[in-house]
C-alpha atoms as a PDB file:
ATOM      1  CA  UNK A   1     -21.601 -24.265  10.331  1.00  0.00           C
ATOM      2  CA  UNK A   2     -18.415 -26.109  11.517  1.00  0.00           C
ATOM      3  CA  UNK A   3     -17.764 -22.825  13.489  1.00  0.00           C
ATOM      4  CA  UNK A   4     -20.464 -22.404  15.785  1.00  0.00           C
ATOM      5  CA  UNK A   5     -18.074 -23.241  18.686  1.00  0.00           C
ATOM      6  CA  UNK A   6     -15.441 -20.681  17.575  1.00  0.00           C
ATOM      7  CA  UNK A   7     -15.471 -17.025  19.458  1.00  0.00           C
ATOM      8  CA  UNK A   8     -16.477 -13.982  17.461  1.00  0.00           C
ATOM      9  CA  UNK A   9     -14.083 -11.182  19.431  1.00  0.00           C
ATOM     10  CA  UNK A  10     -13.927  -7.266  19.249  1.00  0.00           C
ATOM     11  CA  UNK A  11     -11.478  -6.795  22.047  1.00  0.00           C
ATOM     12  CA  UNK A  12      -8.199  -7.446  19.966  1.00  0.00           C
ATOM     13  CA  UNK A  13      -5.294  -5.720  21.402  1.00  0.00           C
ATOM     14  CA  UNK A  14      -3.077  -3.901  18.926  1.00  0.00           C
ATOM     15  CA  UNK A  15      -0.312  -6.119  19.881  1.00  0.00           C
ATOM     16  CA  UNK A  16      -2.363  -9.303  18.838  1.00  0.00           C
ATOM     17  CA  UNK A  17      -3.648  -8.013  15.949  1.00  0.00           C
ATOM     18  CA  UNK A  18      -0.324  -6.648  14.756  1.00  0.00           C
ATOM     19  CA  UNK A  19       1.266  -9.780  15.277  1.00  0.00           C
ATOM     20  CA  UNK A  20      -1.859 -11.669  13.455  1.00  0.00           C
ATOM     21  CA  UNK A  21      -1.139  -9.616  10.387  1.00  0.00           C
ATOM     22  CA  UNK A  22       2.593  -9.587  10.452  1.00  0.00           C
ATOM     23  CA  UNK A  23       2.233 -13.427  10.408  1.00  0.00           C
ATOM     24  CA  UNK A  24      -0.748 -13.807   7.574  1.00  0.00           C
ATOM     25  CA  UNK A  25       0.156 -14.807   4.046  1.00  0.00           C
ATOM     26  CA  UNK A  26      -2.074 -11.797   2.917  1.00  0.00           C
ATOM     27  CA  UNK A  27      -1.046  -9.686   5.499  1.00  0.00           C
ATOM     28  CA  UNK A  28      -0.746  -6.133   4.559  1.00  0.00           C
ATOM     29  CA  UNK A  29       0.238  -2.796   5.843  1.00  0.00           C
ATOM     30  CA  UNK A  30      -2.964  -1.116   5.379  1.00  0.00           C
ATOM     31  CA  UNK A  31      -4.481  -3.735   8.014  1.00  0.00           C
ATOM     32  CA  UNK A  32      -2.069  -2.875  10.714  1.00  0.00           C
ATOM     33  CA  UNK A  33      -2.958  -0.930  13.853  1.00  0.00           C
ATOM     34  CA  UNK A  34      -0.880   1.932  12.737  1.00  0.00           C
ATOM     35  CA  UNK A  35      -2.687   2.317   9.696  1.00  0.00           C
ATOM     36  CA  UNK A  36      -5.851   2.563  11.620  1.00  0.00           C
ATOM     37  CA  UNK A  37      -4.291   5.295  13.838  1.00  0.00           C
ATOM     38  CA  UNK A  38      -3.552   7.272  11.033  1.00  0.00           C
ATOM     39  CA  UNK A  39      -7.011   7.382   9.779  1.00  0.00           C
ATOM     40  CA  UNK A  40      -8.503   7.853  13.239  1.00  0.00           C
ATOM     41  CA  UNK A  41      -6.253  11.191  13.233  1.00  0.00           C
ATOM     42  CA  UNK A  42      -7.886  12.251  10.157  1.00  0.00           C
ATOM     43  CA  UNK A  43     -11.724  11.618  10.890  1.00  0.00           C
ATOM     44  CA  UNK A  44     -12.225   8.283  11.107  1.00  0.00           C
ATOM     45  CA  UNK A  45     -12.631   5.331  13.792  1.00  0.00           C
ATOM     46  CA  UNK A  46     -12.120   1.807  13.912  1.00  0.00           C
ATOM     47  CA  UNK A  47     -12.768  -1.522  14.998  1.00  0.00           C
ATOM     48  CA  UNK A  48     -11.277  -4.874  14.768  1.00  0.00           C
ATOM     49  CA  UNK A  49     -13.113  -7.752  14.306  1.00  0.00           C
ATOM     50  CA  UNK A  50     -11.919 -11.579  14.966  1.00  0.00           C
ATOM     51  CA  UNK A  51     -12.504 -15.117  15.015  1.00  0.00           C
ATOM     52  CA  UNK A  52     -10.650 -17.199  17.685  1.00  0.00           C
ATOM     53  CA  UNK A  53     -10.586 -20.912  17.739  1.00  0.00           C
ATOM     54  CA  UNK A  54      -8.916 -22.332  20.788  1.00  0.00           C
ATOM     55  CA  UNK A  55      -8.323 -18.804  22.147  1.00  0.00           C
ATOM     56  CA  UNK A  56      -6.242 -18.077  18.942  1.00  0.00           C
ATOM     57  CA  UNK A  57      -7.201 -15.875  16.407  1.00  0.00           C
ATOM     58  CA  UNK A  58      -7.754 -17.693  12.872  1.00  0.00           C
ATOM     59  CA  UNK A  59      -9.484 -14.932  10.875  1.00  0.00           C
ATOM     60  CA  UNK A  60     -10.425 -11.458  10.975  1.00  0.00           C
ATOM     61  CA  UNK A  61     -10.618  -7.745   9.526  1.00  0.00           C
ATOM     62  CA  UNK A  62      -9.813  -4.184  10.873  1.00  0.00           C
ATOM     63  CA  UNK A  63     -12.551  -2.265   9.761  1.00  0.00           C
ATOM     64  CA  UNK A  64     -12.485   1.823   9.309  1.00  0.00           C
ATOM     65  CA  UNK A  65     -15.682   3.869   9.800  1.00  0.00           C
ATOM     66  CA  UNK A  66     -16.413   7.692   8.268  1.00  0.00           C
ATOM     67  CA  UNK A  67     -19.210   9.504   9.664  1.00  0.00           C
ATOM     68  CA  UNK A  68     -21.564  10.946   6.692  1.00  0.00           C
ATOM     69  CA  UNK A  69     -22.294  14.518   6.677  1.00  0.00           C
ATOM     70  CA  UNK A  70     -25.641  14.151   8.968  1.00  0.00           C
ATOM     71  CA  UNK A  71     -23.463  12.136  11.464  1.00  0.00           C
ATOM     72  CA  UNK A  72     -26.128   9.466  12.176  1.00  0.00           C
ATOM     73  CA  UNK A  73     -24.812   7.169   9.832  1.00  0.00           C
ATOM     74  CA  UNK A  74     -21.458   5.878   8.801  1.00  0.00           C
ATOM     75  CA  UNK A  75     -19.722   4.026   5.777  1.00  0.00           C
ATOM     76  CA  UNK A  76     -17.648   1.109   6.704  1.00  0.00           C
ATOM     77  CA  UNK A  77     -14.485   0.141   4.969  1.00  0.00           C
ATOM     78  CA  UNK A  78     -12.157  -2.998   4.773  1.00  0.00           C
ATOM     79  CA  UNK A  79      -8.988  -2.013   2.938  1.00  0.00           C
ATOM     80  CA  UNK A  80      -6.942  -5.024   1.943  1.00  0.00           C
ATOM     81  CA  UNK A  81      -8.992  -7.566   4.111  1.00  0.00           C
ATOM     82  CA  UNK A  82     -10.735  -9.596   5.733  1.00  0.00           C
ATOM     83  CA  UNK A  83      -7.576 -11.762   6.717  1.00  0.00           C
ATOM     84  CA  UNK A  84      -8.671 -15.455   6.302  1.00  0.00           C
ATOM     85  CA  UNK A  85      -8.332 -18.603   4.785  1.00  0.00           C
ATOM     86  CA  UNK A  86     -10.785 -18.261   1.585  1.00  0.00           C
ATOM     87  CA  UNK A  87     -10.623 -22.177   0.965  1.00  0.00           C
ATOM     88  CA  UNK A  88     -12.238 -22.766   4.298  1.00  0.00           C
ATOM     89  CA  UNK A  89     -15.953 -21.716   3.070  1.00  0.00           C
ATOM     90  CA  UNK A  90     -17.499 -22.190   6.453  1.00  0.00           C
ATOM     91  CA  UNK A  91     -14.853 -20.004   8.245  1.00  0.00           C
ATOM     92  CA  UNK A  92     -15.406 -17.449   5.696  1.00  0.00           C
ATOM     93  CA  UNK A  93     -19.424 -17.441   5.893  1.00  0.00           C
ATOM     94  CA  UNK A  94     -19.056 -17.054   9.601  1.00  0.00           C
ATOM     95  CA  UNK A  95     -16.477 -14.347   9.577  1.00  0.00           C
ATOM     96  CA  UNK A  96     -18.608 -12.233   6.884  1.00  0.00           C
ATOM     97  CA  UNK A  97     -21.705 -12.912   9.249  1.00  0.00           C
ATOM     98  CA  UNK A  98     -19.740 -11.200  11.942  1.00  0.00           C
ATOM     99  CA  UNK A  99     -18.389  -8.480   9.922  1.00  0.00           C
ATOM    100  CA  UNK A 100     -21.933  -7.838   8.817  1.00  0.00           C
ATOM    101  CA  UNK A 101     -23.179  -7.578  12.429  1.00  0.00           C
ATOM    102  CA  UNK A 102     -20.836  -5.244  13.572  1.00  0.00           C
ATOM    103  CA  UNK A 103     -21.190  -2.770  10.418  1.00  0.00           C
ATOM    104  CA  UNK A 104     -24.864  -2.626  11.266  1.00  0.00           C
ATOM    105  CA  UNK A 105     -24.384  -1.701  14.429  1.00  0.00           C
ATOM    106  CA  UNK A 106     -22.360   0.889  13.901  1.00  0.00           C
ATOM    107  CA  UNK A 107     -24.910   2.444  11.752  1.00  0.00           C
ATOM    108  CA  UNK A 108     -23.178   1.911   8.586  1.00  0.00           C
ATOM    109  CA  UNK A 109     -25.198   2.256   5.484  1.00  0.00           C
ATOM    110  CA  UNK A 110     -22.531  -0.157   3.442  1.00  0.00           C
ATOM    111  CA  UNK A 111     -19.405  -2.025   3.873  1.00  0.00           C
ATOM    112  CA  UNK A 112     -16.973  -1.329   1.304  1.00  0.00           C
ATOM    113  CA  UNK A 113     -14.201  -4.386   0.840  1.00  0.00           C
ATOM    114  CA  UNK A 114     -11.183  -4.095  -0.828  1.00  0.00           C
ATOM    115  CA  UNK A 115     -10.044  -7.530  -0.540  1.00  0.00           C
ATOM    116  CA  UNK A 116      -5.918  -8.372  -0.520  1.00  0.00           C
ATOM    117  CA  UNK A 117      -6.122 -11.299  -2.896  1.00  0.00           C
ATOM    118  CA  UNK A 118      -7.714 -12.466  -5.938  1.00  0.00           C
ATOM    119  CA  UNK A 119      -9.310 -15.440  -4.381  1.00  0.00           C
ATOM    120  CA  UNK A 120     -11.888 -13.518  -2.837  1.00  0.00           C
ATOM    121  CA  UNK A 121     -15.302 -14.470  -3.654  1.00  0.00           C
ATOM    122  CA  UNK A 122     -18.760 -12.750  -2.977  1.00  0.00           C
ATOM    123  CA  UNK A 123     -20.554 -14.439   0.135  1.00  0.00           C
ATOM    124  CA  UNK A 124     -24.069 -12.868  -0.597  1.00  0.00           C
ATOM    125  CA  UNK A 125     -26.202 -11.778  -3.306  1.00  0.00           C
ATOM    126  CA  UNK A 126     -26.212  -8.266  -1.679  1.00  0.00           C
ATOM    127  CA  UNK A 127     -22.558  -7.964  -1.861  1.00  0.00           C
ATOM    128  CA  UNK A 128     -22.034  -5.969  -5.374  1.00  0.00           C
ATOM    129  CA  UNK A 129     -18.992  -5.294  -7.172  1.00  0.00           C
ATOM    130  CA  UNK A 130     -18.084  -1.117  -6.861  1.00  0.00           C
ATOM    131  CA  UNK A 131     -17.425   1.120  -9.619  1.00  0.00           C
ATOM    132  CA  UNK A 132     -15.655   3.049  -6.913  1.00  0.00           C
ATOM    133  CA  UNK A 133     -12.002   2.350  -6.089  1.00  0.00           C
ATOM    134  CA  UNK A 134     -10.229   3.778  -3.204  1.00  0.00           C
ATOM    135  CA  UNK A 135      -7.148   1.600  -3.338  1.00  0.00           C
ATOM    136  CA  UNK A 136      -5.554   0.620  -6.717  1.00  0.00           C
ATOM    137  CA  UNK A 137      -6.821  -2.701  -8.066  1.00  0.00           C
ATOM    138  CA  UNK A 138      -3.754  -3.701  -9.802  1.00  0.00           C
ATOM    139  CA  UNK A 139      -0.147  -3.046  -9.200  1.00  0.00           C
ATOM    140  CA  UNK A 140       3.020  -4.201 -10.612  1.00  0.00           C
ATOM    141  CA  UNK A 141       5.449  -6.341  -7.884  1.00  0.00           C
ATOM    142  CA  UNK A 142       9.118  -7.182  -8.455  1.00  0.00           C
ATOM    143  CA  UNK A 143      10.580 -10.244  -6.922  1.00  0.00           C
ATOM    144  CA  UNK A 144      13.618  -9.186  -5.091  1.00  0.00           C
ATOM    145  CA  UNK A 145      14.772 -12.751  -4.390  1.00  0.00           C
ATOM    146  CA  UNK A 146      17.182 -12.931  -7.297  1.00  0.00           C
ATOM    147  CA  UNK A 147      20.463 -11.214  -7.238  1.00  0.00           C
ATOM    148  CA  UNK A 148      20.818  -7.566  -8.228  1.00  0.00           C
ATOM    149  CA  UNK A 149      22.371  -8.349 -11.781  1.00  0.00           C
ATOM    150  CA  UNK A 150      19.084 -10.286 -12.469  1.00  0.00           C
ATOM    151  CA  UNK A 151      16.786  -7.834 -11.088  1.00  0.00           C
ATOM    152  CA  UNK A 152      18.571  -5.324 -13.229  1.00  0.00           C
ATOM    153  CA  UNK A 153      18.516  -7.612 -16.343  1.00  0.00           C
ATOM    154  CA  UNK A 154      14.576  -7.989 -16.068  1.00  0.00           C
ATOM    155  CA  UNK A 155      14.202  -4.377 -16.465  1.00  0.00           C
ATOM    156  CA  UNK A 156      13.536  -2.464 -19.428  1.00  0.00           C
ATOM    157  CA  UNK A 157      16.787  -1.643 -21.253  1.00  0.00           C
ATOM    158  CA  UNK A 158      16.015   2.196 -20.971  1.00  0.00           C
ATOM    159  CA  UNK A 159      15.263   1.847 -17.369  1.00  0.00           C
ATOM    160  CA  UNK A 160      18.853   0.293 -16.566  1.00  0.00           C
ATOM    161  CA  UNK A 161      20.188   3.140 -18.875  1.00  0.00           C
ATOM    162  CA  UNK A 162      18.710   5.658 -16.570  1.00  0.00           C
ATOM    163  CA  UNK A 163      19.702   4.067 -13.342  1.00  0.00           C
ATOM    164  CA  UNK A 164      23.166   4.067 -14.583  1.00  0.00           C
ATOM    165  CA  UNK A 165      23.207   7.638 -15.988  1.00  0.00           C
ATOM    166  CA  UNK A 166      22.141   8.975 -12.811  1.00  0.00           C
ATOM    167  CA  UNK A 167      24.978   7.245 -10.836  1.00  0.00           C
ATOM    168  CA  UNK A 168      27.383   8.409 -13.264  1.00  0.00           C
ATOM    169  CA  UNK A 169      26.041  12.140 -13.128  1.00  0.00           C
ATOM    170  CA  UNK A 170      26.565  12.045  -9.360  1.00  0.00           C
ATOM    171  CA  UNK A 171      23.327  11.769  -8.227  1.00  0.00           C
ATOM    172  CA  UNK A 172      23.464  10.254  -4.767  1.00  0.00           C
ATOM    173  CA  UNK A 173      20.438   8.554  -2.816  1.00  0.00           C
ATOM    174  CA  UNK A 174      20.352   8.300   0.812  1.00  0.00           C
ATOM    175  CA  UNK A 175      17.766   6.744   3.372  1.00  0.00           C
ATOM    176  CA  UNK A 176      16.959   9.923   5.781  1.00  0.00           C
ATOM    177  CA  UNK A 177      14.394  11.133   8.214  1.00  0.00           C
ATOM    178  CA  UNK A 178      14.266  14.755   6.498  1.00  0.00           C
ATOM    179  CA  UNK A 179      10.478  14.939   6.537  1.00  0.00           C
ATOM    180  CA  UNK A 180      10.473  18.568   5.822  1.00  0.00           C
ATOM    181  CA  UNK A 181      12.226  17.936   2.121  1.00  0.00           C
ATOM    182  CA  UNK A 182      10.018  15.394   1.636  1.00  0.00           C
ATOM    183  CA  UNK A 183       7.221  17.249   2.253  1.00  0.00           C
ATOM    184  CA  UNK A 184       8.140  19.775  -0.302  1.00  0.00           C
ATOM    185  CA  UNK A 185       8.917  17.487  -2.642  1.00  0.00           C
ATOM    186  CA  UNK A 186       5.528  15.942  -2.504  1.00  0.00           C
ATOM    187  CA  UNK A 187       3.899  20.064  -3.171  1.00  0.00           C
ATOM    188  CA  UNK A 188       6.119  20.426  -5.944  1.00  0.00           C
ATOM    189  CA  UNK A 189       5.095  16.872  -7.775  1.00  0.00           C
ATOM    190  CA  UNK A 190       0.964  17.582  -6.875  1.00  0.00           C
ATOM    191  CA  UNK A 191       1.428  21.145  -8.431  1.00  0.00           C
ATOM    192  CA  UNK A 192       3.486  20.311 -11.606  1.00  0.00           C
ATOM    193  CA  UNK A 193       1.627  16.948 -12.316  1.00  0.00           C
ATOM    194  CA  UNK A 194      -1.958  17.691 -11.042  1.00  0.00           C
ATOM    195  CA  UNK A 195      -1.645  14.972  -8.757  1.00  0.00           C
ATOM    196  CA  UNK A 196      -3.571  14.339  -5.607  1.00  0.00           C
ATOM    197  CA  UNK A 197      -1.182  14.504  -2.832  1.00  0.00           C
ATOM    198  CA  UNK A 198      -1.496  14.873   1.156  1.00  0.00           C
ATOM    199  CA  UNK A 199      -0.812  17.701   3.335  1.00  0.00           C
ATOM    200  CA  UNK A 200       2.263  17.841   4.793  1.00  0.00           C
ATOM    201  CA  UNK A 201       0.773  16.918   8.265  1.00  0.00           C
ATOM    202  CA  UNK A 202      -0.629  13.526   7.201  1.00  0.00           C
ATOM    203  CA  UNK A 203       2.739  12.647   6.095  1.00  0.00           C
ATOM    204  CA  UNK A 204       4.347  13.585   9.383  1.00  0.00           C
ATOM    205  CA  UNK A 205       1.667  11.472  11.050  1.00  0.00           C
ATOM    206  CA  UNK A 206       2.377   8.574   8.877  1.00  0.00           C
ATOM    207  CA  UNK A 207       6.177   8.486   9.493  1.00  0.00           C
ATOM    208  CA  UNK A 208       5.658   9.358  13.461  1.00  0.00           C
ATOM    209  CA  UNK A 209       3.409   5.839  13.564  1.00  0.00           C
ATOM    210  CA  UNK A 210       5.169   3.516  11.205  1.00  0.00           C
ATOM    211  CA  UNK A 211       9.202   4.835  11.566  1.00  0.00           C
ATOM    212  CA  UNK A 212       9.743   3.477  15.140  1.00  0.00           C
ATOM    213  CA  UNK A 213       8.625   0.148  14.219  1.00  0.00           C
ATOM    214  CA  UNK A 214      11.197   0.038  11.372  1.00  0.00           C
ATOM    215  CA  UNK A 215       8.355  -0.096   8.961  1.00  0.00           C
ATOM    216  CA  UNK A 216       8.850   3.252   6.999  1.00  0.00           C
ATOM    217  CA  UNK A 217      11.972   4.658   5.467  1.00  0.00           C
ATOM    218  CA  UNK A 218      12.373   7.903   3.565  1.00  0.00           C
ATOM    219  CA  UNK A 219      14.977   8.159   0.677  1.00  0.00           C
ATOM    220  CA  UNK A 220      16.027  11.132  -0.603  1.00  0.00           C
ATOM    221  CA  UNK A 221      18.096  11.649  -4.173  1.00  0.00           C
ATOM    222  CA  UNK A 222      20.338  14.560  -4.073  1.00  0.00           C
ATOM    223  CA  UNK A 223      22.696  16.402  -6.778  1.00  0.00           C
ATOM    224  CA  UNK A 224      25.512  18.319  -5.119  1.00  0.00           C
ATOM    225  CA  UNK A 225      23.413  18.487  -2.080  1.00  0.00           C
ATOM    226  CA  UNK A 226      19.950  19.526  -3.495  1.00  0.00           C
ATOM    227  CA  UNK A 227      17.058  17.474  -3.208  1.00  0.00           C
ATOM    228  CA  UNK A 228      16.056  16.080  -6.615  1.00  0.00           C
ATOM    229  CA  UNK A 229      13.405  13.321  -5.407  1.00  0.00           C
ATOM    230  CA  UNK A 230      12.157  11.265  -2.584  1.00  0.00           C
ATOM    231  CA  UNK A 231       9.994   8.472  -1.784  1.00  0.00           C
ATOM    232  CA  UNK A 232       8.865   6.860   1.260  1.00  0.00           C
ATOM    233  CA  UNK A 233       8.730   2.885   1.577  1.00  0.00           C
ATOM    234  CA  UNK A 234       6.580   0.732   3.749  1.00  0.00           C
ATOM    235  CA  UNK A 235       7.712  -2.641   4.746  1.00  0.00           C
ATOM    236  CA  UNK A 236       5.861  -5.651   6.789  1.00  0.00           C
ATOM    237  CA  UNK A 237       7.645  -8.464   7.069  1.00  0.00           C
ATOM    238  CA  UNK A 238       8.801 -10.048   3.436  1.00  0.00           C
ATOM    239  CA  UNK A 239       6.753  -7.357   1.608  1.00  0.00           C
ATOM    240  CA  UNK A 240       7.619  -3.410   0.703  1.00  0.00           C
ATOM    241  CA  UNK A 241       5.550  -0.986  -0.715  1.00  0.00           C
ATOM    242  CA  UNK A 242       6.314   2.448  -2.653  1.00  0.00           C
ATOM    243  CA  UNK A 243       3.116   4.463  -1.573  1.00  0.00           C
ATOM    244  CA  UNK A 244       4.419   8.049  -1.910  1.00  0.00           C
ATOM    245  CA  UNK A 245       7.147   9.578  -4.284  1.00  0.00           C
ATOM    246  CA  UNK A 246       7.536  12.890  -5.623  1.00  0.00           C
ATOM    247  CA  UNK A 247      10.574  14.942  -7.379  1.00  0.00           C
ATOM    248  CA  UNK A 248      11.718  18.858  -8.036  1.00  0.00           C
ATOM    249  CA  UNK A 249      11.401  20.359 -11.449  1.00  0.00           C
ATOM    250  CA  UNK A 250      15.495  20.846 -11.287  1.00  0.00           C
ATOM    251  CA  UNK A 251      18.183  18.572 -12.784  1.00  0.00           C
ATOM    252  CA  UNK A 252      15.620  16.016 -14.341  1.00  0.00           C
ATOM    253  CA  UNK A 253      18.273  15.085 -17.010  1.00  0.00           C
ATOM    254  CA  UNK A 254      19.928  13.403 -14.228  1.00  0.00           C
ATOM    255  CA  UNK A 255      17.240  10.817 -14.033  1.00  0.00           C
ATOM    256  CA  UNK A 256      17.083  10.818 -10.060  1.00  0.00           C
ATOM    257  CA  UNK A 257      13.916   9.103  -9.665  1.00  0.00           C
ATOM    258  CA  UNK A 258      15.265   6.081 -11.220  1.00  0.00           C
ATOM    259  CA  UNK A 259      18.244   5.549  -9.341  1.00  0.00           C
ATOM    260  CA  UNK A 260      16.161   6.561  -6.491  1.00  0.00           C
ATOM    261  CA  UNK A 261      13.962   3.319  -6.923  1.00  0.00           C
ATOM    262  CA  UNK A 262      16.972   1.275  -7.387  1.00  0.00           C
ATOM    263  CA  UNK A 263      18.430   2.186  -4.347  1.00  0.00           C
ATOM    264  CA  UNK A 264      15.198   1.991  -2.159  1.00  0.00           C
ATOM    265  CA  UNK A 265      15.055  -1.816  -3.897  1.00  0.00           C
ATOM    266  CA  UNK A 266      18.668  -2.935  -2.810  1.00  0.00           C
ATOM    267  CA  UNK A 267      17.978  -1.273   0.864  1.00  0.00           C
ATOM    268  CA  UNK A 268      14.969  -3.186   1.038  1.00  0.00           C
ATOM    269  CA  UNK A 269      16.421  -6.495  -0.332  1.00  0.00           C
ATOM    270  CA  UNK A 270      19.282  -6.417   1.935  1.00  0.00           C
ATOM    271  CA  UNK A 271      16.976  -6.525   4.882  1.00  0.00           C
ATOM    272  CA  UNK A 272      15.416  -9.403   3.689  1.00  0.00           C
ATOM    273  CA  UNK A 273      12.551  -8.298   1.856  1.00  0.00           C
ATOM    274  CA  UNK A 274      11.298 -10.674  -0.897  1.00  0.00           C
ATOM    275  CA  UNK A 275       8.510  -8.460  -2.961  1.00  0.00           C
ATOM    276  CA  UNK A 276       8.682  -4.895  -3.907  1.00  0.00           C
ATOM    277  CA  UNK A 277       5.297  -3.491  -4.529  1.00  0.00           C
ATOM    278  CA  UNK A 278       5.004  -0.533  -6.788  1.00  0.00           C
ATOM    279  CA  UNK A 279       1.710   0.296  -5.831  1.00  0.00           C
ATOM    280  CA  UNK A 280      -0.926   1.330  -8.346  1.00  0.00           C
ATOM    281  CA  UNK A 281      -1.348   0.869 -12.213  1.00  0.00           C
ATOM    282  CA  UNK A 282      -4.358   1.355 -14.510  1.00  0.00           C
ATOM    283  CA  UNK A 283      -6.886  -1.226 -13.888  1.00  0.00           C
ATOM    284  CA  UNK A 284      -6.341  -2.717 -17.510  1.00  0.00           C
ATOM    285  CA  UNK A 285      -5.304  -6.353 -18.649  1.00  0.00           C
ATOM    286  CA  UNK A 286      -1.712  -6.407 -19.730  1.00  0.00           C
ATOM    287  CA  UNK A 287      -2.001  -6.331 -23.287  1.00  0.00           C
ATOM    288  CA  UNK A 288      -4.149  -3.453 -22.950  1.00  0.00           C
ATOM    289  CA  UNK A 289      -1.772  -1.628 -20.960  1.00  0.00           C
ATOM    290  CA  UNK A 290       1.038  -2.572 -23.326  1.00  0.00           C
ATOM    291  CA  UNK A 291      -0.727  -1.224 -26.402  1.00  0.00           C
ATOM    292  CA  UNK A 292      -1.484   2.392 -24.757  1.00  0.00           C
ATOM    293  CA  UNK A 293       0.918   3.332 -22.636  1.00  0.00           C
ATOM    294  CA  UNK A 294       2.559   5.661 -24.906  1.00  0.00           C
ATOM    295  CA  UNK A 295      -0.273   7.221 -25.848  1.00  0.00           C
ATOM    296  CA  UNK A 296      -2.235   7.628 -22.659  1.00  0.00           C
ATOM    297  CA  UNK A 297      -1.776   9.983 -20.224  1.00  0.00           C
ATOM    298  CA  UNK A 298      -4.807  10.329 -17.850  1.00  0.00           C
ATOM    299  CA  UNK A 299      -5.211   8.505 -14.524  1.00  0.00           C
ATOM    300  CA  UNK A 300      -1.995   6.169 -13.182  1.00  0.00           C
ATOM    301  CA  UNK A 301      -1.311   6.122 -17.403  1.00  0.00           C
ATOM    302  CA  UNK A 302       1.707   8.323 -16.779  1.00  0.00           C
ATOM    303  CA  UNK A 303       3.132   6.611 -13.605  1.00  0.00           C
ATOM    304  CA  UNK A 304       2.454   3.081 -15.313  1.00  0.00           C
ATOM    305  CA  UNK A 305       5.378   4.423 -18.063  1.00  0.00           C
ATOM    306  CA  UNK A 306       7.784   4.884 -15.549  1.00  0.00           C
ATOM    307  CA  UNK A 307       6.763   1.488 -13.493  1.00  0.00           C
ATOM    308  CA  UNK A 308       6.779  -0.817 -16.113  1.00  0.00           C
ATOM    309  CA  UNK A 309      10.177   0.072 -16.994  1.00  0.00           C
ATOM    310  CA  UNK A 310      11.271  -1.190 -13.387  1.00  0.00           C
ATOM    311  CA  UNK A 311       9.556  -4.619 -14.459  1.00  0.00           C
ATOM    312  CA  UNK A 312       7.790  -7.040 -12.234  1.00  0.00           C
ATOM    313  CA  UNK A 313       4.396  -8.968 -12.504  1.00  0.00           C
END
């Protein structure tokens, strides 16, 4: 290998790893140290594996471990990683051998990888596609670089109408740190839509870890002071992710969720973000999505009907 002189390291500080992830073209919020801290607060453990060349990190992955019930073995998981130049085959091969060694040393029965890019290639014959998905395999991303009128013009007509309707009907959207209200909205949404939501302590921990570095922000839509909808947004560099959102059962005709998304997009755009990731649509080709979105209601199909209106690729 061209990389025989490179150094494998598992002693990577949170600061160094954070800088590496933030600067990497595939850098993702799920590879940040704060995400590992979040998962470690809920039963996981974590390790960072890196390849150095001349002392500088050039590739790596943050790996999460979850103990199996007997506690003798673990599962190993890399969300939105590894971070590597996929065109450099010798480096990729060297990295995967290193990841394999670390996973085996941690008594992992398997290593699950959900890569950040479609450039990912299977490295060995015992690396197999998995039918089980943790993070959504497909998403919609909105380009925030055009001006606001152009972004609105790229949306579906009904979505633009609903955004303007909400504003006309006195819905107000503000950035906030009101976690109590947000958690209540998530609880209502989970009960109404039979949607999997986290416990309030999970959202509190998320915000506690990401808000101080200005990488998370809550937004609440209200009418006459009454909270109607909320979302939690994450940012890293030029990218933003909409992970969590909920709404109440009241005043739904005022279309608060539409204005909520638009104001969150405007807020992130004003801070230099260029890509808004709507995070999760059904794992189907666009032709299938468009042919079925009005009739399918299972899985992510309901949220796809809403998200497709916002536009994006």
